[in-house]
Amino acid sequence: MLASQHTSLLACERQFGLATQTFKQVTEFAHSQPLFAKEQTQALIQGFLAGVLGEEEAAIRLLSEKAGEKTSLHSINVTVVSLLLGKALQLSKPQMLDLGMGALLHDIGKMELPDRLRWQDEQYSNAEKQLYQNHVMHGLNMGRKMELNPSTLLLIAQHHELADGSGYPSSIKGEKISPL
């Protein structure tokens, strides 16, 4: 049993490493070759659906690791957690693909921000906070260039919305937020 768990963990580690490399390619090509970036994202999510979700325990153990570049690590962790939740909710395969695509690309608009504004900070001035919050709109614009489907775009648009309406950019509440 331990040998099986070890093998599973190694397989997940390899897939996380490949995911990090693929995510970096996606961000590099999002502007110049948006359709290629979309294809890379779809292939990555399909790989997750085929592999990581079958190794839930190993995937969850890897989430706590702090190895890798912060942007890639965050996006991949969000994707894995989202897909595990989607699996638990028994979402359909197309919904899972949309969920994975949106989760991986949810912060892609941060590429448009200066490096020092890519991670929210309580010390931001009001102007800096507004610039940071604009990453959602930048992400939507990039998603449109990538020709992402409406469900994936909606996920990117709403990833900072909160059930009580205190989120951004639209301050929408509860049931009006997409289930994905």
C-alpha atoms as a PDB file:
ATOM      1  CA  MET A   1       0.000   0.000   0.000  1.00  0.00           C
ATOM      2  CA  LEU A   2       2.841   2.395   0.845  1.00  0.00           C
ATOM      3  CA  ALA A   3       4.569   1.578  -2.435  1.00  0.00           C
ATOM      4  CA  SER A   4       1.348   2.318  -4.285  1.00  0.00           C
ATOM      5  CA  GLN A   5       0.961   5.653  -2.495  1.00  0.00           C
ATOM      6  CA  HIS A   6       4.570   6.543  -3.237  1.00  0.00           C
ATOM      7  CA  THR A   7       4.098   5.724  -6.936  1.00  0.00           C
ATOM      8  CA  SER A   8       0.919   7.795  -6.979  1.00  0.00           C
ATOM      9  CA  LEU A   9       2.667  10.752  -5.348  1.00  0.00           C
ATOM     10  CA  LEU A  10       5.535  10.594  -7.849  1.00  0.00           C
ATOM     11  CA  ALA A  11       3.076  10.528 -10.765  1.00  0.00           C
ATOM     12  CA  CYS A  12       1.270  13.567  -9.376  1.00  0.00           C
ATOM     13  CA  GLU A  13       4.559  15.386  -8.792  1.00  0.00           C
ATOM     14  CA  ARG A  14       5.496  14.800 -12.439  1.00  0.00           C
ATOM     15  CA  GLN A  15       2.114  16.044 -13.596  1.00  0.00           C
ATOM     16  CA  PHE A  16       2.367  19.144 -11.387  1.00  0.00           C
ATOM     17  CA  GLY A  17       5.817  19.851 -12.830  1.00  0.00           C
ATOM     18  CA  LEU A  18       4.512  19.533 -16.373  1.00  0.00           C
ATOM     19  CA  ALA A  19       1.515  21.672 -15.443  1.00  0.00           C
ATOM     20  CA  THR A  20       3.834  24.427 -14.227  1.00  0.00           C
ATOM     21  CA  GLN A  21       5.769  24.357 -17.501  1.00  0.00           C
ATOM     22  CA  THR A  22       2.570  24.354 -19.558  1.00  0.00           C
ATOM     23  CA  PHE A  23       1.082  27.218 -17.541  1.00  0.00           C
ATOM     24  CA  LYS A  24       4.201  29.294 -18.168  1.00  0.00           C
ATOM     25  CA  GLN A  25       3.841  28.593 -21.911  1.00  0.00           C
ATOM     26  CA  VAL A  26       0.192  29.621 -21.773  1.00  0.00           C
ATOM     27  CA  THR A  27       1.068  32.941 -20.168  1.00  0.00           C
ATOM     28  CA  GLU A  28       3.891  33.509 -22.657  1.00  0.00           C
ATOM     29  CA  PHE A  29       1.676  32.889 -25.678  1.00  0.00           C
ATOM     30  CA  ALA A  30      -1.606  34.374 -24.407  1.00  0.00           C
ATOM     31  CA  HIS A  31      -1.019  37.641 -26.307  1.00  0.00           C
ATOM     32  CA  SER A  32       0.872  36.552 -29.395  1.00  0.00           C
ATOM     33  CA  GLN A  33      -0.855  33.214 -30.034  1.00  0.00           C
ATOM     34  CA  PRO A  34      -4.069  33.162 -28.000  1.00  0.00           C
ATOM     35  CA  LEU A  35      -5.570  30.138 -29.769  1.00  0.00           C
ATOM     36  CA  PHE A  36      -2.395  28.133 -29.141  1.00  0.00           C
ATOM     37  CA  ALA A  37      -2.578  29.181 -25.481  1.00  0.00           C
ATOM     38  CA  LYS A  38      -6.177  27.961 -25.378  1.00  0.00           C
ATOM     39  CA  GLU A  39      -5.187  24.592 -26.892  1.00  0.00           C
ATOM     40  CA  GLN A  40      -2.381  24.213 -24.339  1.00  0.00           C
ATOM     41  CA  THR A  41      -4.805  25.013 -21.512  1.00  0.00           C
ATOM     42  CA  GLN A  42      -7.377  22.513 -22.770  1.00  0.00           C
ATOM     43  CA  ALA A  43      -4.750  19.786 -23.073  1.00  0.00           C
ATOM     44  CA  LEU A  44      -3.512  20.485 -19.552  1.00  0.00           C
ATOM     45  CA  ILE A  45      -7.014  20.342 -18.060  1.00  0.00           C
ATOM     46  CA  GLN A  46      -7.852  17.164 -19.961  1.00  0.00           C
ATOM     47  CA  GLY A  47      -4.682  15.654 -18.521  1.00  0.00           C
ATOM     48  CA  PHE A  48      -5.771  16.685 -15.059  1.00  0.00           C
ATOM     49  CA  LEU A  49      -9.177  15.160 -15.593  1.00  0.00           C
ATOM     50  CA  ALA A  50      -7.588  11.911 -16.748  1.00  0.00           C
ATOM     51  CA  GLY A  51      -4.814  11.743 -14.155  1.00  0.00           C
ATOM     52  CA  VAL A  52      -4.735  13.912 -11.063  1.00  0.00           C
ATOM     53  CA  LEU A  53      -8.381  13.394 -10.185  1.00  0.00           C
ATOM     54  CA  GLY A  54      -7.807   9.667 -10.007  1.00  0.00           C
ATOM     55  CA  GLU A  55      -5.088  10.318  -7.443  1.00  0.00           C
ATOM     56  CA  GLU A  56      -7.024  12.576  -5.086  1.00  0.00           C
ATOM     57  CA  GLU A  57      -4.961  11.915  -1.950  1.00  0.00           C
ATOM     58  CA  ALA A  58      -1.643  12.513  -3.705  1.00  0.00           C
ATOM     59  CA  ALA A  59      -2.978  15.649  -5.417  1.00  0.00           C
ATOM     60  CA  ILE A  60      -4.157  17.072  -2.098  1.00  0.00           C
ATOM     61  CA  ARG A  61      -0.810  16.314  -0.446  1.00  0.00           C
ATOM     62  CA  LEU A  62       0.986  18.252  -3.184  1.00  0.00           C
ATOM     63  CA  LEU A  63      -1.159  21.342  -2.651  1.00  0.00           C
ATOM     64  CA  SER A  64       0.642  22.125   0.563  1.00  0.00           C
ATOM     65  CA  GLU A  65       4.089  22.081  -1.039  1.00  0.00           C
ATOM     66  CA  LYS A  66       5.737  25.470  -1.571  1.00  0.00           C
ATOM     67  CA  ALA A  67       7.945  24.480  -4.497  1.00  0.00           C
ATOM     68  CA  GLY A  68       7.660  26.440  -7.703  1.00  0.00           C
ATOM     69  CA  GLU A  69       6.922  29.914  -8.946  1.00  0.00           C
ATOM     70  CA  LYS A  70       4.103  31.660  -7.024  1.00  0.00           C
ATOM     71  CA  THR A  71       1.841  32.501  -9.982  1.00  0.00           C
ATOM     72  CA  SER A  72       2.008  29.011 -11.457  1.00  0.00           C
ATOM     73  CA  LEU A  73       1.652  27.337  -8.070  1.00  0.00           C
ATOM     74  CA  HIS A  74      -1.424  29.391  -7.166  1.00  0.00           C
ATOM     75  CA  SER A  75      -3.169  28.781 -10.492  1.00  0.00           C
ATOM     76  CA  ILE A  76      -2.448  25.056 -10.465  1.00  0.00           C
ATOM     77  CA  ASN A  77      -3.538  24.685  -6.831  1.00  0.00           C
ATOM     78  CA  VAL A  78      -6.789  26.535  -7.558  1.00  0.00           C
ATOM     79  CA  THR A  79      -7.339  24.272 -10.562  1.00  0.00           C
ATOM     80  CA  VAL A  80      -6.768  21.044  -8.647  1.00  0.00           C
ATOM     81  CA  VAL A  81      -8.994  22.094  -5.735  1.00  0.00           C
ATOM     82  CA  SER A  82     -11.704  23.257  -8.158  1.00  0.00           C
ATOM     83  CA  LEU A  83     -11.615  20.008 -10.122  1.00  0.00           C
ATOM     84  CA  LEU A  84     -11.732  17.903  -6.956  1.00  0.00           C
ATOM     85  CA  LEU A  85     -14.786  19.890  -5.822  1.00  0.00           C
ATOM     86  CA  GLY A  86     -16.332  19.546  -9.266  1.00  0.00           C
ATOM     87  CA  LYS A  87     -15.794  15.803  -9.124  1.00  0.00           C
ATOM     88  CA  ALA A  88     -17.418  15.640  -5.679  1.00  0.00           C
ATOM     89  CA  LEU A  89     -20.382  17.574  -7.083  1.00  0.00           C
ATOM     90  CA  GLN A  90     -20.543  15.127 -10.015  1.00  0.00           C
ATOM     91  CA  LEU A  91     -20.279  17.843 -12.650  1.00  0.00           C
ATOM     92  CA  SER A  92     -20.469  16.708 -16.255  1.00  0.00           C
ATOM     93  CA  LYS A  93     -17.297  16.349 -18.317  1.00  0.00           C
ATOM     94  CA  PRO A  94     -17.977  19.616 -20.261  1.00  0.00           C
ATOM     95  CA  GLN A  95     -18.604  21.447 -16.966  1.00  0.00           C
ATOM     96  CA  MET A  96     -15.383  20.021 -15.550  1.00  0.00           C
ATOM     97  CA  LEU A  97     -13.452  21.238 -18.587  1.00  0.00           C
ATOM     98  CA  ASP A  98     -14.974  24.732 -18.246  1.00  0.00           C
ATOM     99  CA  LEU A  99     -14.248  24.711 -14.512  1.00  0.00           C
ATOM    100  CA  GLY A 100     -10.645  23.656 -15.042  1.00  0.00           C
ATOM    101  CA  MET A 101     -10.049  26.178 -17.821  1.00  0.00           C
ATOM    102  CA  GLY A 102     -11.509  29.027 -15.761  1.00  0.00           C
ATOM    103  CA  ALA A 103      -9.674  27.987 -12.609  1.00  0.00           C
ATOM    104  CA  LEU A 104      -6.318  27.800 -14.373  1.00  0.00           C
ATOM    105  CA  LEU A 105      -6.827  31.107 -16.189  1.00  0.00           C
ATOM    106  CA  HIS A 106      -8.687  33.004 -13.449  1.00  0.00           C
ATOM    107  CA  ASP A 107      -5.742  35.345 -12.783  1.00  0.00           C
ATOM    108  CA  ILE A 108      -4.318  35.578 -16.303  1.00  0.00           C
ATOM    109  CA  GLY A 109      -5.197  39.274 -16.362  1.00  0.00           C
ATOM    110  CA  LYS A 110      -2.496  39.891 -13.734  1.00  0.00           C
ATOM    111  CA  MET A 111       0.024  39.654 -16.595  1.00  0.00           C
ATOM    112  CA  GLU A 112      -1.083  43.178 -17.476  1.00  0.00           C
ATOM    113  CA  LEU A 113      -0.183  44.555 -14.051  1.00  0.00           C
ATOM    114  CA  PRO A 114       3.194  45.805 -12.859  1.00  0.00           C
ATOM    115  CA  ASP A 115       5.019  43.034 -10.963  1.00  0.00           C
ATOM    116  CA  ARG A 116       4.593  44.709  -7.579  1.00  0.00           C
ATOM    117  CA  LEU A 117       0.785  44.808  -7.993  1.00  0.00           C
ATOM    118  CA  ARG A 118       0.243  41.153  -8.910  1.00  0.00           C
ATOM    119  CA  TRP A 119      -0.516  40.038  -5.348  1.00  0.00           C
ATOM    120  CA  GLN A 120      -3.065  41.872  -3.264  1.00  0.00           C
ATOM    121  CA  ASP A 121      -1.606  43.838  -0.391  1.00  0.00           C
ATOM    122  CA  GLU A 122      -3.431  45.548   2.478  1.00  0.00           C
ATOM    123  CA  GLN A 123      -0.999  48.477   2.120  1.00  0.00           C
ATOM    124  CA  TYR A 124      -2.201  49.410  -1.379  1.00  0.00           C
ATOM    125  CA  SER A 125      -3.421  52.938  -1.936  1.00  0.00           C
ATOM    126  CA  ASN A 126      -6.930  53.284  -3.381  1.00  0.00           C
ATOM    127  CA  ALA A 127      -5.438  53.799  -6.851  1.00  0.00           C
ATOM    128  CA  GLU A 128      -3.263  50.672  -6.524  1.00  0.00           C
ATOM    129  CA  LYS A 129      -6.227  48.673  -5.246  1.00  0.00           C
ATOM    130  CA  GLN A 130      -8.252  49.732  -8.287  1.00  0.00           C
ATOM    131  CA  LEU A 131      -5.398  48.785 -10.622  1.00  0.00           C
ATOM    132  CA  TYR A 132      -5.161  45.400  -8.934  1.00  0.00           C
ATOM    133  CA  GLN A 133      -8.900  44.818  -9.260  1.00  0.00           C
ATOM    134  CA  ASN A 134      -8.682  45.604 -12.975  1.00  0.00           C
ATOM    135  CA  HIS A 135      -6.931  42.256 -13.478  1.00  0.00           C
ATOM    136  CA  VAL A 136     -10.383  40.708 -13.775  1.00  0.00           C
ATOM    137  CA  MET A 137     -11.242  42.854 -16.815  1.00  0.00           C
ATOM    138  CA  HIS A 138      -7.804  42.243 -18.312  1.00  0.00           C
ATOM    139  CA  GLY A 139      -8.379  38.514 -17.852  1.00  0.00           C
ATOM    140  CA  LEU A 140     -11.735  38.723 -19.613  1.00  0.00           C
ATOM    141  CA  ASN A 141     -10.177  40.553 -22.542  1.00  0.00           C
ATOM    142  CA  MET A 142      -7.460  37.929 -22.829  1.00  0.00           C
ATOM    143  CA  GLY A 143     -10.036  35.156 -22.526  1.00  0.00           C
ATOM    144  CA  ARG A 144     -12.030  36.641 -25.382  1.00  0.00           C
ATOM    145  CA  LYS A 145      -8.893  36.728 -27.547  1.00  0.00           C
ATOM    146  CA  MET A 146      -8.378  33.066 -26.671  1.00  0.00           C
ATOM    147  CA  GLU A 147     -11.993  32.440 -27.749  1.00  0.00           C
ATOM    148  CA  LEU A 148     -12.883  30.806 -24.453  1.00  0.00           C
ATOM    149  CA  ASN A 149     -16.482  29.707 -24.124  1.00  0.00           C
ATOM    150  CA  PRO A 150     -18.986  31.792 -22.153  1.00  0.00           C
ATOM    151  CA  SER A 151     -18.952  29.570 -19.038  1.00  0.00           C
ATOM    152  CA  THR A 152     -15.186  29.880 -18.736  1.00  0.00           C
ATOM    153  CA  LEU A 153     -15.318  33.642 -19.302  1.00  0.00           C
ATOM    154  CA  LEU A 154     -18.003  33.956 -16.633  1.00  0.00           C
ATOM    155  CA  LEU A 155     -15.827  32.095 -14.163  1.00  0.00           C
ATOM    156  CA  ILE A 156     -12.928  34.482 -14.864  1.00  0.00           C
ATOM    157  CA  ALA A 157     -15.289  37.463 -14.550  1.00  0.00           C
ATOM    158  CA  GLN A 158     -16.697  36.349 -11.207  1.00  0.00           C
ATOM    159  CA  HIS A 159     -13.733  34.843  -9.396  1.00  0.00           C
ATOM    160  CA  HIS A 160     -13.601  37.720  -6.885  1.00  0.00           C
ATOM    161  CA  GLU A 161     -17.348  38.003  -6.337  1.00  0.00           C
ATOM    162  CA  LEU A 162     -18.603  37.104  -2.858  1.00  0.00           C
ATOM    163  CA  ALA A 163     -21.969  35.694  -1.813  1.00  0.00           C
ATOM    164  CA  ASP A 164     -22.765  38.772   0.306  1.00  0.00           C
ATOM    165  CA  GLY A 165     -22.200  41.129  -2.647  1.00  0.00           C
ATOM    166  CA  SER A 166     -19.014  42.656  -1.250  1.00  0.00           C
ATOM    167  CA  GLY A 167     -16.795  41.266  -4.030  1.00  0.00           C
ATOM    168  CA  TYR A 168     -15.707  42.852  -7.283  1.00  0.00           C
ATOM    169  CA  PRO A 169     -15.949  43.909 -10.055  1.00  0.00           C
ATOM    170  CA  SER A 170     -19.762  43.729 -10.158  1.00  0.00           C
ATOM    171  CA  SER A 171     -20.756  43.261  -6.494  1.00  0.00           C
ATOM    172  CA  ILE A 172     -23.215  40.520  -7.427  1.00  0.00           C
ATOM    173  CA  LYS A 173     -24.784  38.331  -4.744  1.00  0.00           C
ATOM    174  CA  GLY A 174     -25.455  34.677  -4.012  1.00  0.00           C
ATOM    175  CA  GLU A 175     -27.558  32.946  -6.630  1.00  0.00           C
ATOM    176  CA  LYS A 176     -26.548  35.409  -9.341  1.00  0.00           C
ATOM    177  CA  ILE A 177     -22.969  34.111  -9.174  1.00  0.00           C
ATOM    178  CA  SER A 178     -22.276  31.218 -11.547  1.00  0.00           C
ATOM    179  CA  PRO A 179     -22.130  27.843  -9.779  1.00  0.00           C
ATOM    180  CA  LEU A 180     -18.777  27.168 -11.481  1.00  0.00           C
END
